[in-house]
Amino acid sequence: SRDNAKKMVYLQMNSLKPEDTAVYYCNCISSWRHYW
């Protein structure tokens, strides 16, 4: 989900499994460029 006014994006993760273990990165596309 995202809150455009607050310039935030969220990821609610439920029923997590061991295979979900990882480093999670936020990403956006702006002016045809990727940011991390």
Full PDB file with SEQRES, HELIX, SHEET, SSBOND, CRYST1, ORIGX, SCALE, CONECT and MASTER records, all heavy atoms in Angstrom:
SEQRES   1 A   36  SER ARG ASP ASN ALA LYS LYS MET VAL TYR LEU GLN MET          
SEQRES   2 A   36  ASN SER LEU LYS PRO GLU ASP THR ALA VAL TYR TYR CYS          
SEQRES   3 A   36  ASN CYS ILE SER SER TRP ARG HIS TYR TRP                      
HELIX    1 AA1 PRO A   18  ASP A   20  5                                   3    
SHEET    1 AA1 2 ARG A   2  ASP A   3  0                                        
SHEET    2 AA1 2 MET A   8  VAL A   9 -1                                        
SHEET    1 AA2 2 CYS A  28  SER A  30  0                                        
SHEET    2 AA2 2 ARG A  33  TYR A  35 -1                                        
CRYST1    1.000    1.000    1.000  90.00  90.00  90.00 P 1           1          
ORIGX1      1.000000  0.000000  0.000000        0.00000                         
ORIGX2      0.000000  1.000000  0.000000        0.00000                         
ORIGX3      0.000000  0.000000  1.000000        0.00000                         
SCALE1      1.000000  0.000000  0.000000        0.00000                         
SCALE2      0.000000  1.000000  0.000000        0.00000                         
SCALE3      0.000000  0.000000  1.000000        0.00000                         
ATOM      1  N   SER A   1       0.850  -1.181   0.000  1.00  0.00           N  
ATOM      2  CA  SER A   1       0.000   0.000   0.000  1.00  0.00           C  
ATOM      3  C   SER A   1       0.892   1.240   0.000  1.00  0.00           C  
ATOM      4  O   SER A   1       2.085   1.149   0.282  1.00  0.00           O  
ATOM      5  CB  SER A   1      -0.930   0.005   1.215  1.00  0.00           C  
ATOM      6  OG  SER A   1      -0.183   0.024   2.422  1.00  0.00           O  
ATOM      7  N   ARG A   2       0.293   2.371  -0.331  1.00  0.00           N  
ATOM      8  CA  ARG A   2       1.070   3.597  -0.330  1.00  0.00           C  
ATOM      9  C   ARG A   2       0.225   4.753   0.166  1.00  0.00           C  
ATOM     10  O   ARG A   2      -1.000   4.754   0.032  1.00  0.00           O  
ATOM     11  CB  ARG A   2       1.642   3.895  -1.719  1.00  0.00           C  
ATOM     12  CG  ARG A   2       0.620   4.154  -2.804  1.00  0.00           C  
ATOM     13  CD  ARG A   2       1.266   4.224  -4.175  1.00  0.00           C  
ATOM     14  NE  ARG A   2       2.079   5.423  -4.356  1.00  0.00           N  
ATOM     15  CZ  ARG A   2       2.808   5.667  -5.434  1.00  0.00           C  
ATOM     16  NH1 ARG A   2       2.861   4.779  -6.419  1.00  0.00           N  
ATOM     17  NH2 ARG A   2       3.512   6.776  -5.538  1.00  0.00           N  
ATOM     18  N   ASP A   3       0.901   5.715   0.748  1.00  0.00           N  
ATOM     19  CA  ASP A   3       0.273   6.942   1.211  1.00  0.00           C  
ATOM     20  C   ASP A   3       0.972   8.074   0.466  1.00  0.00           C  
ATOM     21  O   ASP A   3       2.087   8.462   0.827  1.00  0.00           O  
ATOM     22  CB  ASP A   3       0.441   7.084   2.733  1.00  0.00           C  
ATOM     23  CG  ASP A   3      -0.289   8.294   3.278  1.00  0.00           C  
ATOM     24  OD1 ASP A   3      -0.419   9.309   2.554  1.00  0.00           O  
ATOM     25  OD2 ASP A   3      -0.724   8.232   4.432  1.00  0.00           O  
ATOM     26  N   ASN A   4       0.340   8.541  -0.596  1.00  0.00           N  
ATOM     27  CA  ASN A   4       0.981   9.548  -1.439  1.00  0.00           C  
ATOM     28  C   ASN A   4       1.247  10.846  -0.686  1.00  0.00           C  
ATOM     29  O   ASN A   4       2.267  11.503  -0.901  1.00  0.00           O  
ATOM     30  CB  ASN A   4       0.134   9.821  -2.682  1.00  0.00           C  
ATOM     31  CG  ASN A   4       0.112   8.643  -3.630  1.00  0.00           C  
ATOM     32  OD1 ASN A   4       1.072   7.875  -3.719  1.00  0.00           O  
ATOM     33  ND2 ASN A   4      -0.992   8.480  -4.345  1.00  0.00           N  
ATOM     34  N   ALA A   5       0.348  11.203   0.205  1.00  0.00           N  
ATOM     35  CA  ALA A   5       0.515  12.451   0.958  1.00  0.00           C  
ATOM     36  C   ALA A   5       1.741  12.384   1.860  1.00  0.00           C  
ATOM     37  O   ALA A   5       2.465  13.377   2.014  1.00  0.00           O  
ATOM     38  CB  ALA A   5      -0.736  12.739   1.771  1.00  0.00           C  
ATOM     39  N   LYS A   6       1.963  11.213   2.458  1.00  0.00           N  
ATOM     40  CA  LYS A   6       3.099  11.045   3.361  1.00  0.00           C  
ATOM     41  C   LYS A   6       4.343  10.550   2.627  1.00  0.00           C  
ATOM     42  O   LYS A   6       5.409  10.413   3.232  1.00  0.00           O  
ATOM     43  CB  LYS A   6       2.750  10.071   4.480  1.00  0.00           C  
ATOM     44  CG  LYS A   6       1.659  10.571   5.410  1.00  0.00           C  
ATOM     45  CD  LYS A   6       1.406   9.578   6.537  1.00  0.00           C  
ATOM     46  CE  LYS A   6       0.347  10.103   7.486  1.00  0.00           C  
ATOM     47  NZ  LYS A   6       0.062   9.137   8.582  1.00  0.00           N  
ATOM     48  N   LYS A   7       4.195  10.257   1.322  1.00  0.00           N  
ATOM     49  CA  LYS A   7       5.316   9.766   0.521  1.00  0.00           C  
ATOM     50  C   LYS A   7       5.882   8.486   1.121  1.00  0.00           C  
ATOM     51  O   LYS A   7       7.096   8.341   1.292  1.00  0.00           O  
ATOM     52  CB  LYS A   7       6.398  10.840   0.383  1.00  0.00           C  
ATOM     53  CG  LYS A   7       5.883  12.138  -0.225  1.00  0.00           C  
ATOM     54  CD  LYS A   7       6.933  13.216  -0.232  1.00  0.00           C  
ATOM     55  CE  LYS A   7       6.369  14.536  -0.749  1.00  0.00           C  
ATOM     56  NZ  LYS A   7       7.381  15.624  -0.745  1.00  0.00           N  
ATOM     57  N   MET A   8       4.960   7.578   1.455  1.00  0.00           N  
ATOM     58  CA  MET A   8       5.339   6.327   2.086  1.00  0.00           C  
ATOM     59  C   MET A   8       4.771   5.160   1.282  1.00  0.00           C  
ATOM     60  O   MET A   8       3.709   5.265   0.657  1.00  0.00           O  
ATOM     61  CB  MET A   8       4.779   6.233   3.502  1.00  0.00           C  
ATOM     62  CG  MET A   8       5.259   7.308   4.457  1.00  0.00           C  
ATOM     63  SD  MET A   8       6.936   7.018   5.036  1.00  0.00           S  
ATOM     64  CE  MET A   8       6.720   5.505   5.986  1.00  0.00           C  
ATOM     65  N   VAL A   9       5.472   4.028   1.332  1.00  0.00           N  
ATOM     66  CA  VAL A   9       4.944   2.779   0.821  1.00  0.00           C  
ATOM     67  C   VAL A   9       5.167   1.707   1.885  1.00  0.00           C  
ATOM     68  O   VAL A   9       6.169   1.749   2.611  1.00  0.00           O  
ATOM     69  CB  VAL A   9       5.599   2.382  -0.526  1.00  0.00           C  
ATOM     70  CG1 VAL A   9       7.077   2.097  -0.360  1.00  0.00           C  
ATOM     71  CG2 VAL A   9       4.874   1.208  -1.153  1.00  0.00           C  
ATOM     72  N   TYR A  10       4.211   0.808   2.010  1.00  0.00           N  
ATOM     73  CA  TYR A  10       4.233  -0.189   3.069  1.00  0.00           C  
ATOM     74  C   TYR A  10       4.124  -1.590   2.474  1.00  0.00           C  
ATOM     75  O   TYR A  10       3.574  -1.783   1.390  1.00  0.00           O  
ATOM     76  CB  TYR A  10       3.077   0.038   4.030  1.00  0.00           C  
ATOM     77  CG  TYR A  10       2.994   1.433   4.575  1.00  0.00           C  
ATOM     78  CD1 TYR A  10       2.131   2.369   4.004  1.00  0.00           C  
ATOM     79  CD2 TYR A  10       3.768   1.825   5.667  1.00  0.00           C  
ATOM     80  CE1 TYR A  10       2.047   3.659   4.493  1.00  0.00           C  
ATOM     81  CE2 TYR A  10       3.690   3.115   6.163  1.00  0.00           C  
ATOM     82  CZ  TYR A  10       2.832   4.025   5.579  1.00  0.00           C  
ATOM     83  OH  TYR A  10       2.756   5.301   6.070  1.00  0.00           O  
ATOM     84  N   LEU A  11       4.630  -2.560   3.221  1.00  0.00           N  
ATOM     85  CA  LEU A  11       4.443  -3.958   2.858  1.00  0.00           C  
ATOM     86  C   LEU A  11       4.023  -4.702   4.129  1.00  0.00           C  
ATOM     87  O   LEU A  11       4.839  -4.882   5.040  1.00  0.00           O  
ATOM     88  CB  LEU A  11       5.718  -4.569   2.272  1.00  0.00           C  
ATOM     89  CG  LEU A  11       5.557  -5.994   1.761  1.00  0.00           C  
ATOM     90  CD1 LEU A  11       4.642  -6.014   0.523  1.00  0.00           C  
ATOM     91  CD2 LEU A  11       6.914  -6.618   1.420  1.00  0.00           C  
ATOM     92  N   GLN A  12       2.768  -5.078   4.183  1.00  0.00           N  
ATOM     93  CA  GLN A  12       2.254  -5.888   5.279  1.00  0.00           C  
ATOM     94  C   GLN A  12       2.484  -7.345   4.930  1.00  0.00           C  
ATOM     95  O   GLN A  12       1.981  -7.828   3.908  1.00  0.00           O  
ATOM     96  CB  GLN A  12       0.765  -5.624   5.509  1.00  0.00           C  
ATOM     97  CG  GLN A  12       0.158  -6.459   6.620  1.00  0.00           C  
ATOM     98  CD  GLN A  12       0.716  -6.124   7.975  1.00  0.00           C  
ATOM     99  OE1 GLN A  12       0.884  -4.952   8.321  1.00  0.00           O  
ATOM    100  NE2 GLN A  12       1.012  -7.157   8.768  1.00  0.00           N  
ATOM    101  N   MET A  13       3.223  -8.034   5.765  1.00  0.00           N  
ATOM    102  CA  MET A  13       3.579  -9.425   5.507  1.00  0.00           C  
ATOM    103  C   MET A  13       2.982 -10.308   6.598  1.00  0.00           C  
ATOM    104  O   MET A  13       3.327 -10.165   7.772  1.00  0.00           O  
ATOM    105  CB  MET A  13       5.098  -9.589   5.480  1.00  0.00           C  
ATOM    106  CG  MET A  13       5.792  -8.666   4.483  1.00  0.00           C  
ATOM    107  SD  MET A  13       7.567  -8.966   4.350  1.00  0.00           S  
ATOM    108  CE  MET A  13       8.101  -8.452   5.980  1.00  0.00           C  
ATOM    109  N   ASN A  14       2.080 -11.178   6.208  1.00  0.00           N  
ATOM    110  CA  ASN A  14       1.426 -12.105   7.139  1.00  0.00           C  
ATOM    111  C   ASN A  14       1.783 -13.538   6.785  1.00  0.00           C  
ATOM    112  O   ASN A  14       2.261 -13.820   5.686  1.00  0.00           O  
ATOM    113  CB  ASN A  14      -0.091 -11.920   7.073  1.00  0.00           C  
ATOM    114  CG  ASN A  14      -0.532 -10.536   7.471  1.00  0.00           C  
ATOM    115  OD1 ASN A  14       0.077  -9.881   8.315  1.00  0.00           O  
ATOM    116  ND2 ASN A  14      -1.615 -10.060   6.862  1.00  0.00           N  
ATOM    117  N   SER A  15       1.544 -14.423   7.721  1.00  0.00           N  
ATOM    118  CA  SER A  15       1.814 -15.856   7.504  1.00  0.00           C  
ATOM    119  C   SER A  15       3.217 -16.070   6.954  1.00  0.00           C  
ATOM    120  O   SER A  15       3.420 -16.802   5.971  1.00  0.00           O  
ATOM    121  CB  SER A  15       0.767 -16.443   6.538  1.00  0.00           C  
ATOM    122  OG  SER A  15      -0.539 -16.261   7.039  1.00  0.00           O  
ATOM    123  N   LEU A  16       4.171 -15.445   7.590  1.00  0.00           N  
ATOM    124  CA  LEU A  16       5.544 -15.501   7.091  1.00  0.00           C  
ATOM    125  C   LEU A  16       6.108 -16.910   7.179  1.00  0.00           C  
ATOM    126  O   LEU A  16       5.794 -17.675   8.106  1.00  0.00           O  
ATOM    127  CB  LEU A  16       6.419 -14.527   7.866  1.00  0.00           C  
ATOM    128  CG  LEU A  16       6.254 -13.064   7.437  1.00  0.00           C  
ATOM    129  CD1 LEU A  16       6.759 -12.110   8.495  1.00  0.00           C  
ATOM    130  CD2 LEU A  16       6.981 -12.828   6.117  1.00  0.00           C  
ATOM    131  N   LYS A  17       6.936 -17.226   6.185  1.00  0.00           N  
ATOM    132  CA  LYS A  17       7.559 -18.537   6.085  1.00  0.00           C  
ATOM    133  C   LYS A  17       9.089 -18.378   6.120  1.00  0.00           C  
ATOM    134  O   LYS A  17       9.605 -17.310   5.763  1.00  0.00           O  
ATOM    135  CB  LYS A  17       7.158 -19.196   4.764  1.00  0.00           C  
ATOM    136  CG  LYS A  17       5.668 -19.315   4.538  1.00  0.00           C  
ATOM    137  CD  LYS A  17       5.382 -19.875   3.148  1.00  0.00           C  
ATOM    138  CE  LYS A  17       3.887 -19.988   2.892  1.00  0.00           C  
ATOM    139  NZ  LYS A  17       3.599 -20.532   1.537  1.00  0.00           N  
ATOM    140  N   PRO A  18       9.803 -19.416   6.499  1.00  0.00           N  
ATOM    141  CA  PRO A  18      11.269 -19.330   6.494  1.00  0.00           C  
ATOM    142  C   PRO A  18      11.831 -18.907   5.135  1.00  0.00           C  
ATOM    143  O   PRO A  18      12.845 -18.198   5.081  1.00  0.00           O  
ATOM    144  CB  PRO A  18      11.697 -20.748   6.871  1.00  0.00           C  
ATOM    145  CG  PRO A  18      10.579 -21.255   7.721  1.00  0.00           C  
ATOM    146  CD  PRO A  18       9.335 -20.688   7.097  1.00  0.00           C  
ATOM    147  N   GLU A  19      11.175 -19.305   4.070  1.00  0.00           N  
ATOM    148  CA  GLU A  19      11.658 -18.943   2.734  1.00  0.00           C  
ATOM    149  C   GLU A  19      11.447 -17.472   2.398  1.00  0.00           C  
ATOM    150  O   GLU A  19      11.902 -17.003   1.360  1.00  0.00           O  
ATOM    151  CB  GLU A  19      11.015 -19.828   1.656  1.00  0.00           C  
ATOM    152  CG  GLU A  19       9.507 -19.917   1.729  1.00  0.00           C  
ATOM    153  CD  GLU A  19       9.031 -21.156   2.465  1.00  0.00           C  
ATOM    154  OE1 GLU A  19       9.601 -21.478   3.534  1.00  0.00           O  
ATOM    155  OE2 GLU A  19       8.067 -21.789   1.971  1.00  0.00           O  
ATOM    156  N   ASP A  20      10.769 -16.739   3.256  1.00  0.00           N  
ATOM    157  CA  ASP A  20      10.644 -15.288   3.082  1.00  0.00           C  
ATOM    158  C   ASP A  20      11.861 -14.551   3.622  1.00  0.00           C  
ATOM    159  O   ASP A  20      11.972 -13.333   3.447  1.00  0.00           O  
ATOM    160  CB  ASP A  20       9.392 -14.768   3.791  1.00  0.00           C  
ATOM    161  CG  ASP A  20       8.103 -15.286   3.176  1.00  0.00           C  
ATOM    162  OD1 ASP A  20       8.009 -15.335   1.928  1.00  0.00           O  
ATOM    163  OD2 ASP A  20       7.181 -15.639   3.941  1.00  0.00           O  
ATOM    164  N   THR A  21      12.751 -15.270   4.276  1.00  0.00           N  
ATOM    165  CA  THR A  21      13.954 -14.655   4.827  1.00  0.00           C  
ATOM    166  C   THR A  21      14.803 -14.057   3.711  1.00  0.00           C  
ATOM    167  O   THR A  21      15.146 -14.738   2.743  1.00  0.00           O  
ATOM    168  CB  THR A  21      14.783 -15.695   5.597  1.00  0.00           C  
ATOM    169  OG1 THR A  21      14.030 -16.137   6.737  1.00  0.00           O  
ATOM    170  CG2 THR A  21      16.105 -15.099   6.060  1.00  0.00           C  
ATOM    171  N   ALA A  22      15.117 -12.770   3.846  1.00  0.00           N  
ATOM    172  CA  ALA A  22      15.865 -12.062   2.807  1.00  0.00           C  
ATOM    173  C   ALA A  22      16.098 -10.626   3.260  1.00  0.00           C  
ATOM    174  O   ALA A  22      15.521 -10.183   4.255  1.00  0.00           O  
ATOM    175  CB  ALA A  22      15.098 -12.059   1.492  1.00  0.00           C  
ATOM    176  N   VAL A  23      16.914  -9.930   2.510  1.00  0.00           N  
ATOM    177  CA  VAL A  23      16.992  -8.477   2.651  1.00  0.00           C  
ATOM    178  C   VAL A  23      15.938  -7.883   1.719  1.00  0.00           C  
ATOM    179  O   VAL A  23      15.907  -8.207   0.529  1.00  0.00           O  
ATOM    180  CB  VAL A  23      18.384  -7.940   2.290  1.00  0.00           C  
ATOM    181  CG1 VAL A  23      18.407  -6.418   2.389  1.00  0.00           C  
ATOM    182  CG2 VAL A  23      19.439  -8.545   3.205  1.00  0.00           C  
ATOM    183  N   TYR A  24      15.098  -7.042   2.263  1.00  0.00           N  
ATOM    184  CA  TYR A  24      14.016  -6.433   1.501  1.00  0.00           C  
ATOM    185  C   TYR A  24      14.400  -4.998   1.147  1.00  0.00           C  
ATOM    186  O   TYR A  24      14.804  -4.224   2.010  1.00  0.00           O  
ATOM    187  CB  TYR A  24      12.722  -6.455   2.308  1.00  0.00           C  
ATOM    188  CG  TYR A  24      12.078  -7.826   2.326  1.00  0.00           C  
ATOM    189  CD1 TYR A  24      12.665  -8.869   3.038  1.00  0.00           C  
ATOM    190  CD2 TYR A  24      10.904  -8.081   1.618  1.00  0.00           C  
ATOM    191  CE1 TYR A  24      12.095 -10.140   3.035  1.00  0.00           C  
ATOM    192  CE2 TYR A  24      10.332  -9.341   1.618  1.00  0.00           C  
ATOM    193  CZ  TYR A  24      10.926 -10.357   2.322  1.00  0.00           C  
ATOM    194  OH  TYR A  24      10.356 -11.618   2.317  1.00  0.00           O  
ATOM    195  N   TYR A  25      14.243  -4.686  -0.137  1.00  0.00           N  
ATOM    196  CA  TYR A  25      14.617  -3.372  -0.645  1.00  0.00           C  
ATOM    197  C   TYR A  25      13.394  -2.625  -1.165  1.00  0.00           C  
ATOM    198  O   TYR A  25      12.567  -3.192  -1.895  1.00  0.00           O  
ATOM    199  CB  TYR A  25      15.610  -3.499  -1.791  1.00  0.00           C  
ATOM    200  CG  TYR A  25      16.926  -4.119  -1.413  1.00  0.00           C  
ATOM    201  CD1 TYR A  25      17.128  -5.493  -1.498  1.00  0.00           C  
ATOM    202  CD2 TYR A  25      17.980  -3.323  -0.978  1.00  0.00           C  
ATOM    203  CE1 TYR A  25      18.332  -6.062  -1.154  1.00  0.00           C  
ATOM    204  CE2 TYR A  25      19.205  -3.881  -0.640  1.00  0.00           C  
ATOM    205  CZ  TYR A  25      19.373  -5.250  -0.726  1.00  0.00           C  
ATOM    206  OH  TYR A  25      20.579  -5.803  -0.386  1.00  0.00           O  
ATOM    207  N   CYS A  26      13.315  -1.379  -0.824  1.00  0.00           N  
ATOM    208  CA  CYS A  26      12.308  -0.497  -1.395  1.00  0.00           C  
ATOM    209  C   CYS A  26      12.829   0.040  -2.724  1.00  0.00           C  
ATOM    210  O   CYS A  26      14.032   0.332  -2.865  1.00  0.00           O  
ATOM    211  CB  CYS A  26      12.032   0.658  -0.438  1.00  0.00           C  
ATOM    212  SG  CYS A  26      10.777   1.825  -0.992  1.00  0.00           S  
ATOM    213  N   ASN A  27      11.931   0.180  -3.675  1.00  0.00           N  
ATOM    214  CA  ASN A  27      12.308   0.626  -5.011  1.00  0.00           C  
ATOM    215  C   ASN A  27      11.271   1.619  -5.520  1.00  0.00           C  
ATOM    216  O   ASN A  27      10.088   1.525  -5.183  1.00  0.00           O  
ATOM    217  CB  ASN A  27      12.369  -0.577  -5.953  1.00  0.00           C  
ATOM    218  CG  ASN A  27      12.423  -0.183  -7.432  1.00  0.00           C  
ATOM    219  OD1 ASN A  27      11.378  -0.013  -8.067  1.00  0.00           O  
ATOM    220  ND2 ASN A  27      13.617  -0.043  -7.958  1.00  0.00           N  
ATOM    221  N   CYS A  28      11.731   2.555  -6.326  1.00  0.00           N  
ATOM    222  CA  CYS A  28      10.772   3.408  -7.023  1.00  0.00           C  
ATOM    223  C   CYS A  28      11.296   3.737  -8.414  1.00  0.00           C  
ATOM    224  O   CYS A  28      12.496   3.621  -8.681  1.00  0.00           O  
ATOM    225  CB  CYS A  28      10.462   4.691  -6.244  1.00  0.00           C  
ATOM    226  SG  CYS A  28      11.724   5.964  -6.362  1.00  0.00           S  
ATOM    227  N   ILE A  29      10.372   4.081  -9.290  1.00  0.00           N  
ATOM    228  CA  ILE A  29      10.714   4.516 -10.638  1.00  0.00           C  
ATOM    229  C   ILE A  29      10.308   5.976 -10.764  1.00  0.00           C  
ATOM    230  O   ILE A  29       9.141   6.323 -10.554  1.00  0.00           O  
ATOM    231  CB  ILE A  29       9.996   3.681 -11.707  1.00  0.00           C  
ATOM    232  CG1 ILE A  29      10.361   2.205 -11.567  1.00  0.00           C  
ATOM    233  CG2 ILE A  29      10.368   4.175 -13.104  1.00  0.00           C  
ATOM    234  CD1 ILE A  29       9.569   1.284 -12.473  1.00  0.00           C  
ATOM    235  N   SER A  30      11.284   6.803 -11.091  1.00  0.00           N  
ATOM    236  CA  SER A  30      11.034   8.231 -11.215  1.00  0.00           C  
ATOM    237  C   SER A  30      11.853   8.765 -12.383  1.00  0.00           C  
ATOM    238  O   SER A  30      13.067   8.550 -12.440  1.00  0.00           O  
ATOM    239  CB  SER A  30      11.430   8.948  -9.924  1.00  0.00           C  
ATOM    240  OG  SER A  30      11.284  10.352 -10.064  1.00  0.00           O  
ATOM    241  N   SER A  31      11.177   9.442 -13.282  1.00  0.00           N  
ATOM    242  CA  SER A  31      11.843   9.996 -14.464  1.00  0.00           C  
ATOM    243  C   SER A  31      12.682   8.932 -15.185  1.00  0.00           C  
ATOM    244  O   SER A  31      13.837   9.158 -15.542  1.00  0.00           O  
ATOM    245  CB  SER A  31      12.740  11.185 -14.063  1.00  0.00           C  
ATOM    246  OG  SER A  31      11.968  12.203 -13.465  1.00  0.00           O  
ATOM    247  N   TRP A  32      12.081   7.744 -15.322  1.00  0.00           N  
ATOM    248  CA  TRP A  32      12.667   6.603 -16.035  1.00  0.00           C  
ATOM    249  C   TRP A  32      13.907   6.032 -15.360  1.00  0.00           C  
ATOM    250  O   TRP A  32      14.657   5.265 -15.963  1.00  0.00           O  
ATOM    251  CB  TRP A  32      13.013   6.991 -17.483  1.00  0.00           C  
ATOM    252  CG  TRP A  32      11.804   7.437 -18.233  1.00  0.00           C  
ATOM    253  CD1 TRP A  32      10.834   6.642 -18.767  1.00  0.00           C  
ATOM    254  CD2 TRP A  32      11.408   8.787 -18.491  1.00  0.00           C  
ATOM    255  NE1 TRP A  32       9.873   7.429 -19.364  1.00  0.00           N  
ATOM    256  CE2 TRP A  32      10.188   8.735 -19.202  1.00  0.00           C  
ATOM    257  CE3 TRP A  32      11.967  10.027 -18.203  1.00  0.00           C  
ATOM    258  CZ2 TRP A  32       9.516   9.874 -19.619  1.00  0.00           C  
ATOM    259  CZ3 TRP A  32      11.304  11.154 -18.630  1.00  0.00           C  
ATOM    260  CH2 TRP A  32      10.089  11.079 -19.328  1.00  0.00           C  
ATOM    261  N   ARG A  33      14.123   6.368 -14.107  1.00  0.00           N  
ATOM    262  CA  ARG A  33      15.251   5.822 -13.361  1.00  0.00           C  
ATOM    263  C   ARG A  33      14.751   5.016 -12.174  1.00  0.00           C  
ATOM    264  O   ARG A  33      13.698   5.325 -11.603  1.00  0.00           O  
ATOM    265  CB  ARG A  33      16.167   6.948 -12.851  1.00  0.00           C  
ATOM    266  CG  ARG A  33      16.955   7.657 -13.918  1.00  0.00           C  
ATOM    267  CD  ARG A  33      17.898   8.657 -13.272  1.00  0.00           C  
ATOM    268  NE  ARG A  33      18.841   8.008 -12.358  1.00  0.00           N  
ATOM    269  CZ  ARG A  33      19.726   8.677 -11.628  1.00  0.00           C  
ATOM    270  NH1 ARG A  33      19.787   9.992 -11.692  1.00  0.00           N  
ATOM    271  NH2 ARG A  33      20.547   8.039 -10.842  1.00  0.00           N  
ATOM    272  N   HIS A  34      15.499   3.974 -11.830  1.00  0.00           N  
ATOM    273  CA  HIS A  34      15.202   3.176 -10.644  1.00  0.00           C  
ATOM    274  C   HIS A  34      16.028   3.700  -9.470  1.00  0.00           C  
ATOM    275  O   HIS A  34      17.222   3.976  -9.611  1.00  0.00           O  
ATOM    276  CB  HIS A  34      15.549   1.705 -10.879  1.00  0.00           C  
ATOM    277  CG  HIS A  34      14.529   0.956 -11.673  1.00  0.00           C  
ATOM    278  ND1 HIS A  34      13.548   0.203 -11.074  1.00  0.00           N  
ATOM    279  CD2 HIS A  34      14.326   0.852 -12.998  1.00  0.00           C  
ATOM    280  CE1 HIS A  34      12.788  -0.352 -12.007  1.00  0.00           C  
ATOM    281  NE2 HIS A  34      13.242   0.036 -13.187  1.00  0.00           N  
ATOM    282  N   TYR A  35      15.398   3.789  -8.336  1.00  0.00           N  
ATOM    283  CA  TYR A  35      16.069   4.157  -7.091  1.00  0.00           C  
ATOM    284  C   TYR A  35      15.841   3.056  -6.069  1.00  0.00           C  
ATOM    285  O   TYR A  35      14.784   2.412  -6.052  1.00  0.00           O  
ATOM    286  CB  TYR A  35      15.533   5.493  -6.556  1.00  0.00           C  
ATOM    287  CG  TYR A  35      15.844   6.666  -7.440  1.00  0.00           C  
ATOM    288  CD1 TYR A  35      14.967   7.040  -8.457  1.00  0.00           C  
ATOM    289  CD2 TYR A  35      17.020   7.402  -7.274  1.00  0.00           C  
ATOM    290  CE1 TYR A  35      15.245   8.119  -9.282  1.00  0.00           C  
ATOM    291  CE2 TYR A  35      17.303   8.483  -8.092  1.00  0.00           C  
ATOM    292  CZ  TYR A  35      16.417   8.829  -9.096  1.00  0.00           C  
ATOM    293  OH  TYR A  35      16.705   9.898  -9.909  1.00  0.00           O  
ATOM    294  N   TRP A  36      16.846   2.868  -5.209  1.00  0.00           N  
ATOM    295  CA  TRP A  36      16.798   1.789  -4.223  1.00  0.00           C  
ATOM    296  C   TRP A  36      17.117   2.307  -2.829  1.00  0.00           C  
ATOM    297  O   TRP A  36      17.942   3.209  -2.662  1.00  0.00           O  
ATOM    298  CB  TRP A  36      17.814   0.711  -4.576  1.00  0.00           C  
ATOM    299  CG  TRP A  36      17.549   0.053  -5.889  1.00  0.00           C  
ATOM    300  CD1 TRP A  36      18.042   0.422  -7.111  1.00  0.00           C  
ATOM    301  CD2 TRP A  36      16.717  -1.096  -6.127  1.00  0.00           C  
ATOM    302  NE1 TRP A  36      17.574  -0.418  -8.088  1.00  0.00           N  
ATOM    303  CE2 TRP A  36      16.752  -1.356  -7.518  1.00  0.00           C  
ATOM    304  CE3 TRP A  36      15.951  -1.920  -5.307  1.00  0.00           C  
ATOM    305  CZ2 TRP A  36      16.048  -2.414  -8.092  1.00  0.00           C  
ATOM    306  CZ3 TRP A  36      15.254  -2.965  -5.888  1.00  0.00           C  
ATOM    307  CH2 TRP A  36      15.307  -3.203  -7.266  1.00  0.00           C  
TER     308      TRP A  36                                                      
MASTER        0    0    0    1    4    0    0    6  307    1    0    3          
END                                                                             
